[in-house]
Amino acid sequence: MKTTWLAAAAVILTATMARAEEPSGSFKLERNGAMIGTVRIETIEGKLVLATHLDDGTERPLARLSAPRTFTYDGQLPSLGLAGVLNGNQVPPADAVWTVELRGALMQSGVWKARVKANGATQFEERLVRMEGKRALLIPQKAYDPTHVNAFKAYANAVSRRYKAMNYDRVDILFGESWAVVFDALKLAEAEHRPYTRMVFIGHGGWDGPIGLGQQVSSESDPENFKVFLDSVRRGTTPDARIFASTCHSGGSDKYEEANAWNNKYRWVDDVALQTGRTVAGPRGKTSTEYTEQHVFAVLEGDGVTRQAIRWASPEGVRNISAKGTLAAAPLLPVEPIYLRPAPTPITPPVIVTDPVTPPVVTEPVVTAPVVTEPVVNLPLGTP
């Protein structure tokens, strides 16, 4: 009996270690003992990738998982001062296949040893040091009614106090005047090696996301800026970050709205979660920002119950949390396809066909010039 128990315990321990050893998260990148940038290992479009941002502003191509703990770069690495590091000053050929192999025991030390190779030959070694600490970004938004802004800030302050009591290293409150302000804050977090683990929007919203930042950004509304937003989220948050949008309809329609023919099936939180790999949640239907604190901690932290129906989305699945429900009680359902309304068919104005008008033929009068003849003069013979 004891042997069976020990065997079962060993299996559980092995499985736990395997999960802990999964190469994912945010890391500081070091070479020769010096900090040179940051690395994110995360799932993008269902594939585990390694994204490297260097402190000099350059980025390496994405590297995709090609074997256990081995990533292959999509393209050639830029010049990184490789000559003289290893390989006897031999510069790899231009068509070399670059890979990075992760070695070590991350669970014990928080460090991966990264061996970067070209065509299988080691060129240099680096270290990926897991970033520690918890940080939150709270974004009370600009409002139509200026008196609402004070309320949004008050709710942000309440959330801030709770996170500080949970020993968060940093809680930033950013007045959201525009999406550009949010983009800059997230990119600065990446540059300063302090990605956020939590992000909360507080303000007005709709099916296409927060409104108080100006034009809504989603796959349906302003898709170009939506791409910028998604990229900023990947850069400025940790791969395991959790995001809450305390805005109307960010989680889509409620059950009453879904029964209407005019219902919009698009869910902003589902779209953001699927494209960033983060956990994203928000109210279904209309909401009151007064519920912000209660919803943030019930849905992101599993502490308490909700006031209304909430949509919780992640790349692994979605949850529909009922009113007065809990995160733990909501089953994980398969990821749903993102519904986009068909683009309106452009109206082509009818072509007016008219009978062609034949212009009258105008002819110029023919003028006959008079024939002028010289008189014939007969001269007498012998005249010179």
Protein backbone atom coordinates (compact mmCIF):
# COMPACT_ATOMS: atom_id res chain seq x y z
CA MET A 1 0.00 0.00 0.00
CA LYS A 2 2.79 2.36 0.95
CA THR A 3 4.67 1.54 -2.26
CA THR A 4 1.56 2.31 -4.31
CA TRP A 5 1.17 5.66 -2.50
CA LEU A 6 4.80 6.54 -3.12
CA ALA A 7 4.48 5.64 -6.79
CA ALA A 8 1.39 7.83 -7.11
CA ALA A 9 3.16 10.66 -5.31
CA ALA A 10 6.12 10.32 -7.67
CA VAL A 11 3.80 10.56 -10.68
CA ILE A 12 2.16 13.70 -9.27
CA LEU A 13 5.55 15.24 -8.48
CA THR A 14 6.85 14.45 -11.95
CA ALA A 15 3.77 15.97 -13.55
CA THR A 16 4.09 19.07 -11.36
CA MET A 17 7.75 19.45 -12.27
CA ALA A 18 6.92 19.03 -15.96
CA ARG A 19 4.37 21.84 -15.76
CA ALA A 20 6.77 24.06 -13.82
CA GLU A 21 9.48 23.43 -16.40
CA GLU A 22 7.35 24.63 -19.32
CA PRO A 23 9.33 27.44 -20.99
CA SER A 24 6.95 30.38 -20.69
CA GLY A 25 6.98 33.81 -19.07
CA SER A 26 8.86 37.11 -19.11
CA PHE A 27 12.64 37.12 -18.72
CA LYS A 28 15.57 39.48 -18.54
CA LEU A 29 18.18 38.65 -21.17
CA GLU A 30 21.83 38.63 -20.08
CA ARG A 31 25.06 38.04 -21.99
CA ASN A 32 28.47 37.98 -20.36
CA GLY A 33 26.86 39.12 -17.10
CA ALA A 34 25.38 42.27 -18.66
CA MET A 35 21.68 43.00 -19.20
CA ILE A 36 20.98 43.35 -22.94
CA GLY A 37 17.18 43.11 -23.27
CA THR A 38 14.03 41.18 -22.48
CA VAL A 39 12.46 37.93 -23.70
CA ARG A 40 8.87 36.72 -23.72
CA ILE A 41 8.05 33.05 -24.22
CA GLU A 42 4.34 32.81 -24.93
CA THR A 43 1.68 31.28 -27.13
CA ILE A 44 0.73 33.25 -30.23
CA GLU A 45 -1.89 31.82 -32.57
CA GLY A 46 -1.57 28.45 -30.89
CA LYS A 47 2.22 28.25 -31.24
CA LEU A 48 4.81 28.71 -28.49
CA VAL A 49 7.22 31.46 -29.57
CA LEU A 50 10.24 33.26 -28.19
CA ALA A 51 10.19 37.05 -28.74
CA THR A 52 13.35 39.03 -27.99
CA HIS A 53 13.54 42.81 -27.59
CA LEU A 54 17.03 44.27 -27.16
CA ASP A 55 17.77 47.40 -25.16
CA ASP A 56 19.32 49.09 -28.20
CA GLY A 57 15.84 49.14 -29.76
CA THR A 58 16.32 46.24 -32.18
CA GLU A 59 14.42 42.98 -32.14
CA ARG A 60 15.35 39.49 -33.18
CA PRO A 61 12.93 37.59 -35.42
CA LEU A 62 10.36 35.43 -33.66
CA ALA A 63 11.67 31.98 -32.81
CA ARG A 64 9.10 29.16 -32.85
CA LEU A 65 9.20 25.96 -30.81
CA SER A 66 10.57 23.24 -33.10
CA ALA A 67 11.66 20.61 -30.55
CA PRO A 68 11.53 20.29 -26.73
CA ARG A 69 13.09 23.51 -25.34
CA THR A 70 14.41 24.38 -28.81
CA PHE A 71 13.23 27.36 -30.85
CA THR A 72 14.04 28.11 -34.50
CA TYR A 73 14.19 31.72 -35.69
CA ASP A 74 11.95 32.79 -38.56
CA GLY A 75 14.81 34.69 -40.19
CA GLN A 76 18.44 35.66 -39.87
CA LEU A 77 19.66 37.30 -36.68
CA PRO A 78 20.79 40.91 -37.09
CA SER A 79 24.41 41.83 -36.43
CA LEU A 80 24.96 41.27 -32.73
CA GLY A 81 28.73 41.35 -32.50
CA LEU A 82 28.96 37.59 -32.91
CA ALA A 83 32.42 37.48 -34.49
CA GLY A 84 35.03 36.58 -31.93
CA VAL A 85 32.57 35.25 -29.37
CA LEU A 86 32.95 31.62 -30.36
CA ASN A 87 33.72 29.56 -33.45
CA GLY A 88 37.18 31.07 -33.98
CA ASN A 89 35.95 34.38 -35.44
CA GLN A 90 34.14 32.58 -38.23
CA VAL A 91 31.02 34.46 -39.25
CA PRO A 92 28.11 32.09 -40.00
CA PRO A 93 26.94 31.95 -43.63
CA ALA A 94 24.08 34.23 -44.63
CA ASP A 95 21.69 31.32 -45.09
CA ALA A 96 22.44 29.71 -41.71
CA VAL A 97 19.50 28.35 -39.70
CA TRP A 98 19.58 29.95 -36.26
CA THR A 99 18.21 28.17 -33.18
CA VAL A 100 18.19 28.69 -29.44
CA GLU A 101 18.27 25.81 -26.98
CA LEU A 102 17.16 26.28 -23.38
CA ARG A 103 19.01 24.35 -20.69
CA GLY A 104 18.99 24.27 -16.91
CA ALA A 105 16.49 23.87 -14.08
CA LEU A 106 14.18 26.86 -14.19
CA MET A 107 12.03 25.56 -11.36
CA GLN A 108 14.94 25.72 -8.94
CA SER A 109 16.90 28.76 -10.09
CA GLY A 110 14.52 30.87 -12.17
CA VAL A 111 17.15 30.86 -14.93
CA TRP A 112 17.35 29.27 -18.38
CA LYS A 113 20.72 28.92 -20.05
CA ALA A 114 20.22 29.79 -23.71
CA ARG A 115 22.64 28.36 -26.28
CA VAL A 116 22.30 30.16 -29.63
CA LYS A 117 23.41 28.13 -32.65
CA ALA A 118 23.86 28.60 -36.39
CA ASN A 119 23.52 25.39 -38.42
CA GLY A 120 23.92 23.45 -35.17
CA ALA A 121 27.21 25.13 -34.15
CA THR A 122 27.12 27.18 -30.94
CA GLN A 123 27.80 30.88 -31.55
CA PHE A 124 27.23 32.36 -28.10
CA GLU A 125 25.41 31.75 -24.84
CA GLU A 126 22.97 33.91 -22.89
CA ARG A 127 20.84 33.65 -19.76
CA LEU A 128 17.10 34.11 -19.40
CA VAL A 129 16.35 35.26 -15.84
CA ARG A 130 12.68 35.15 -14.89
CA MET A 131 11.24 38.55 -13.99
CA GLU A 132 9.86 38.61 -10.48
CA GLY A 133 7.26 40.87 -8.93
CA LYS A 134 3.62 41.79 -9.51
CA ARG A 135 2.55 45.05 -11.11
CA ALA A 136 -0.87 46.48 -12.02
CA LEU A 137 -1.94 49.18 -14.49
CA LEU A 138 -5.31 50.81 -13.79
CA ILE A 139 -6.81 53.03 -16.51
CA PRO A 140 -9.72 55.31 -15.56
CA GLN A 141 -10.90 56.73 -18.87
CA LYS A 142 -11.98 60.07 -20.22
CA ALA A 143 -15.77 60.50 -19.90
CA TYR A 144 -18.54 62.30 -21.74
CA ASP A 145 -19.65 63.83 -18.45
CA PRO A 146 -16.63 65.32 -16.61
CA THR A 147 -18.21 64.39 -13.26
CA HIS A 148 -17.85 60.71 -14.20
CA VAL A 149 -14.07 61.03 -14.31
CA ASN A 150 -13.87 61.58 -10.57
CA ALA A 151 -15.91 58.43 -10.01
CA PHE A 152 -13.69 56.43 -12.37
CA LYS A 153 -10.60 57.63 -10.49
CA ALA A 154 -12.20 56.76 -7.14
CA TYR A 155 -12.88 53.19 -8.30
CA ALA A 156 -9.27 52.95 -9.56
CA ASN A 157 -8.03 54.10 -6.15
CA ALA A 158 -10.11 51.41 -4.43
CA VAL A 159 -8.64 48.69 -6.66
CA SER A 160 -5.16 50.13 -6.11
CA ARG A 161 -5.50 49.88 -2.32
CA ARG A 162 -6.53 46.22 -2.58
CA TYR A 163 -3.60 45.31 -4.83
CA LYS A 164 -1.13 47.13 -2.60
CA ALA A 165 -2.51 45.17 0.34
CA MET A 166 -1.72 42.03 -1.70
CA ASN A 167 1.95 43.14 -1.78
CA TYR A 168 2.03 44.26 -5.40
CA ASP A 169 5.38 45.87 -6.13
CA ARG A 170 3.84 48.61 -8.24
CA VAL A 171 0.33 49.89 -8.99
CA ASP A 172 0.13 52.62 -11.64
CA ILE A 173 -3.00 54.70 -12.26
CA LEU A 174 -3.03 56.13 -15.78
CA PHE A 175 -5.65 58.68 -16.86
CA GLY A 176 -6.72 57.32 -20.23
CA GLU A 177 -7.11 60.33 -22.50
CA SER A 178 -6.43 58.32 -25.64
CA TRP A 179 -5.29 54.93 -26.89
CA ALA A 180 -1.89 56.45 -27.70
CA VAL A 181 -1.34 57.10 -23.96
CA VAL A 182 -2.09 53.43 -23.22
CA PHE A 183 0.20 52.21 -26.01
CA ASP A 184 3.06 54.36 -24.70
CA ALA A 185 2.61 53.16 -21.10
CA LEU A 186 2.78 49.50 -22.15
CA LYS A 187 5.81 50.01 -24.37
CA LEU A 188 7.56 51.87 -21.55
CA ALA A 189 6.88 48.92 -19.24
CA GLU A 190 8.67 46.66 -21.70
CA ALA A 191 11.61 49.05 -22.10
CA GLU A 192 12.02 49.32 -18.32
CA HIS A 193 11.79 45.53 -17.83
CA ARG A 194 8.65 45.73 -15.65
CA PRO A 195 5.72 44.21 -17.55
CA TYR A 196 2.32 44.36 -15.86
CA THR A 197 0.62 41.27 -14.45
CA ARG A 198 -2.79 42.98 -14.18
CA MET A 199 -4.53 45.65 -16.28
CA VAL A 200 -7.95 47.20 -15.64
CA PHE A 201 -9.98 49.60 -17.82
CA ILE A 202 -12.65 51.69 -16.04
CA GLY A 203 -15.17 53.78 -17.98
CA HIS A 204 -17.68 53.81 -20.81
CA GLY A 205 -17.71 51.04 -23.39
CA GLY A 206 -19.58 49.07 -25.99
CA TRP A 207 -19.39 45.85 -27.99
CA ASP A 208 -16.15 47.08 -29.61
CA GLY A 209 -14.40 47.77 -26.31
CA PRO A 210 -13.68 50.88 -24.21
CA ILE A 211 -15.08 54.14 -25.60
CA GLY A 212 -13.52 56.71 -23.26
CA LEU A 213 -10.15 56.46 -25.03
CA GLY A 214 -11.56 57.93 -28.24
CA GLN A 215 -12.32 55.74 -31.24
CA GLN A 216 -13.03 52.15 -30.17
CA VAL A 217 -10.43 49.64 -31.32
CA SER A 218 -11.45 46.11 -32.28
CA SER A 219 -11.35 43.77 -35.25
CA GLU A 220 -14.52 45.48 -36.41
CA SER A 221 -13.86 49.09 -35.38
CA ASP A 222 -10.46 50.60 -36.25
CA PRO A 223 -8.65 47.28 -36.90
CA GLU A 224 -5.33 49.03 -37.58
CA ASN A 225 -5.12 50.56 -34.10
CA PHE A 226 -6.45 47.28 -32.70
CA LYS A 227 -3.31 45.59 -34.04
CA VAL A 228 -1.20 48.24 -32.29
CA PHE A 229 -3.12 47.62 -29.07
CA LEU A 230 -2.60 43.85 -29.27
CA ASP A 231 1.13 44.29 -29.88
CA SER A 232 1.38 46.74 -26.96
CA VAL A 233 -0.38 44.27 -24.65
CA ARG A 234 2.04 41.50 -25.62
CA ARG A 235 5.00 43.79 -24.97
CA GLY A 236 3.85 45.47 -21.77
CA THR A 237 2.23 42.56 -19.90
CA THR A 238 3.45 39.17 -18.78
CA PRO A 239 2.23 36.14 -20.75
CA ASP A 240 0.12 35.10 -17.72
CA ALA A 241 -1.37 38.60 -17.27
CA ARG A 242 -5.07 39.06 -16.48
CA ILE A 243 -7.06 41.99 -17.88
CA PHE A 244 -10.50 43.32 -16.90
CA ALA A 245 -12.53 45.88 -18.86
CA SER A 246 -15.09 47.43 -16.49
CA THR A 247 -17.10 48.85 -19.38
CA CYS A 248 -20.52 48.10 -20.88
CA HIS A 249 -20.68 45.14 -23.27
CA SER A 250 -16.93 44.40 -23.27
CA GLY A 251 -17.96 40.80 -22.59
CA GLY A 252 -20.60 40.94 -25.31
CA SER A 253 -24.37 40.66 -25.01
CA ASP A 254 -26.29 39.37 -22.03
CA LYS A 255 -28.90 36.62 -22.39
CA TYR A 256 -31.70 39.11 -23.00
CA GLU A 257 -29.84 40.92 -25.75
CA GLU A 258 -28.87 37.64 -27.38
CA ALA A 259 -32.59 36.94 -27.92
CA ASN A 260 -32.98 40.00 -30.13
CA ALA A 261 -32.57 39.94 -33.90
CA TRP A 262 -30.34 43.01 -33.77
CA ASN A 263 -27.92 41.35 -31.34
CA ASN A 264 -24.20 41.86 -31.98
CA LYS A 265 -22.45 38.51 -31.48
CA TYR A 266 -18.95 40.00 -31.30
CA ARG A 267 -17.17 39.69 -27.93
CA TRP A 268 -14.23 42.06 -27.45
CA VAL A 269 -12.73 40.12 -24.53
CA ASP A 270 -12.69 36.88 -26.55
CA ASP A 271 -10.91 38.57 -29.43
CA VAL A 272 -8.24 40.19 -27.22
CA ALA A 273 -7.63 36.96 -25.29
CA LEU A 274 -7.29 34.83 -28.40
CA GLN A 275 -4.88 37.21 -30.11
CA THR A 276 -2.69 38.08 -27.10
CA GLY A 277 -2.70 34.83 -25.12
CA ARG A 278 -3.80 36.72 -21.99
CA THR A 279 -6.84 36.15 -19.76
CA VAL A 280 -9.39 38.89 -20.47
CA ALA A 281 -12.80 39.47 -18.86
CA GLY A 282 -15.63 41.98 -18.83
CA PRO A 283 -19.36 42.41 -18.19
CA ARG A 284 -22.01 41.01 -20.47
CA GLY A 285 -24.57 43.70 -21.30
CA LYS A 286 -24.72 47.07 -19.56
CA THR A 287 -22.83 47.61 -16.34
CA SER A 288 -22.03 50.16 -13.67
CA THR A 289 -18.42 51.08 -12.96
CA GLU A 290 -19.49 51.08 -9.31
CA TYR A 291 -19.01 47.30 -9.49
CA THR A 292 -15.38 47.59 -10.64
CA GLU A 293 -13.65 46.55 -7.43
CA GLN A 294 -16.05 43.66 -6.76
CA HIS A 295 -15.72 42.35 -10.31
CA VAL A 296 -11.94 42.70 -10.60
CA PHE A 297 -11.25 40.63 -7.49
CA ALA A 298 -14.02 38.09 -8.04
CA VAL A 299 -13.10 37.46 -11.67
CA LEU A 300 -9.32 38.00 -11.81
CA GLU A 301 -8.41 36.83 -8.30
CA GLY A 302 -11.23 34.40 -7.44
CA ASP A 303 -12.18 36.41 -4.33
CA GLY A 304 -15.92 36.97 -3.90
CA VAL A 305 -18.98 36.90 -6.17
CA THR A 306 -20.02 38.97 -9.18
CA ARG A 307 -22.89 41.46 -9.40
CA GLN A 308 -23.85 40.56 -12.97
CA ALA A 309 -23.02 38.14 -15.77
CA ILE A 310 -19.33 38.25 -16.76
CA ARG A 311 -17.47 36.80 -19.74
CA TRP A 312 -14.03 35.34 -18.95
CA ALA A 313 -11.84 34.37 -21.90
CA SER A 314 -8.43 32.76 -22.39
CA PRO A 315 -6.69 30.85 -25.20
CA GLU A 316 -7.53 27.61 -23.35
CA GLY A 317 -11.27 28.24 -23.03
CA VAL A 318 -14.02 30.62 -21.91
CA ARG A 319 -16.27 30.91 -18.87
CA ASN A 320 -19.72 32.47 -18.50
CA ILE A 321 -19.91 33.58 -14.87
CA SER A 322 -23.48 34.20 -13.77
CA ALA A 323 -24.71 37.07 -11.62
CA LYS A 324 -23.78 36.41 -7.98
CA GLY A 325 -21.52 33.67 -9.29
CA THR A 326 -17.88 32.77 -8.69
CA LEU A 327 -14.95 32.07 -10.96
CA ALA A 328 -14.48 28.57 -9.56
CA ALA A 329 -18.12 27.60 -10.18
CA ALA A 330 -18.10 28.58 -13.87
CA PRO A 331 -17.06 25.62 -16.06
CA LEU A 332 -14.35 26.04 -18.68
CA LEU A 333 -15.93 25.83 -22.13
CA PRO A 334 -14.27 25.46 -25.54
CA VAL A 335 -13.01 28.61 -27.24
CA GLU A 336 -15.67 30.03 -29.53
CA PRO A 337 -14.97 31.45 -33.00
CA ILE A 338 -14.78 35.23 -33.20
CA TYR A 339 -17.92 36.50 -34.89
CA LEU A 340 -17.44 39.48 -37.16
CA ARG A 341 -20.36 41.17 -38.83
CA PRO A 342 -20.13 40.99 -42.61
CA ALA A 343 -18.93 44.19 -44.19
CA PRO A 344 -21.76 46.14 -45.79
CA THR A 345 -22.08 45.62 -49.51
CA PRO A 346 -21.14 48.86 -51.24
CA ILE A 347 -24.01 50.44 -53.15
CA THR A 348 -23.08 51.02 -56.75
CA PRO A 349 -25.08 53.86 -58.28
CA PRO A 350 -27.02 52.82 -61.37
CA VAL A 351 -25.41 53.65 -64.66
CA ILE A 352 -27.66 55.95 -66.72
CA VAL A 353 -27.52 54.89 -70.34
CA THR A 354 -28.52 57.52 -72.91
CA ASP A 355 -28.77 57.23 -76.65
CA PRO A 356 -25.69 58.67 -78.21
CA VAL A 357 -26.24 62.03 -79.89
CA THR A 358 -24.78 62.23 -83.36
CA PRO A 359 -23.34 65.69 -83.84
CA PRO A 360 -24.35 67.45 -87.05
CA VAL A 361 -21.83 67.25 -89.83
CA VAL A 362 -20.55 70.71 -90.57
CA THR A 363 -18.91 71.22 -93.96
CA GLU A 364 -16.90 74.18 -94.96
CA PRO A 365 -17.97 75.92 -98.20
CA VAL A 366 -15.69 75.24 -101.09
CA VAL A 367 -14.22 78.45 -102.40
CA THR A 368 -12.97 78.33 -105.99
CA ALA A 369 -10.13 80.73 -106.53
CA PRO A 370 -10.31 82.71 -109.82
CA VAL A 371 -7.88 81.60 -112.47
CA VAL A 372 -5.54 84.45 -113.35
CA THR A 373 -3.84 84.21 -116.72
CA GLU A 374 -1.14 86.42 -118.00
CA PRO A 375 -1.86 88.12 -121.35
CA VAL A 376 0.11 86.72 -124.24
CA VAL A 377 2.18 89.42 -125.90
CA ASN A 378 3.45 88.72 -129.39
CA LEU A 379 6.73 90.44 -130.00
CA PRO A 380 8.11 91.11 -133.51
CA LEU A 381 10.89 88.88 -134.70
CA GLY A 382 14.40 90.05 -133.90
CA THR A 383 13.36 91.78 -130.68
CA PRO A 384 15.96 91.06 -128.03
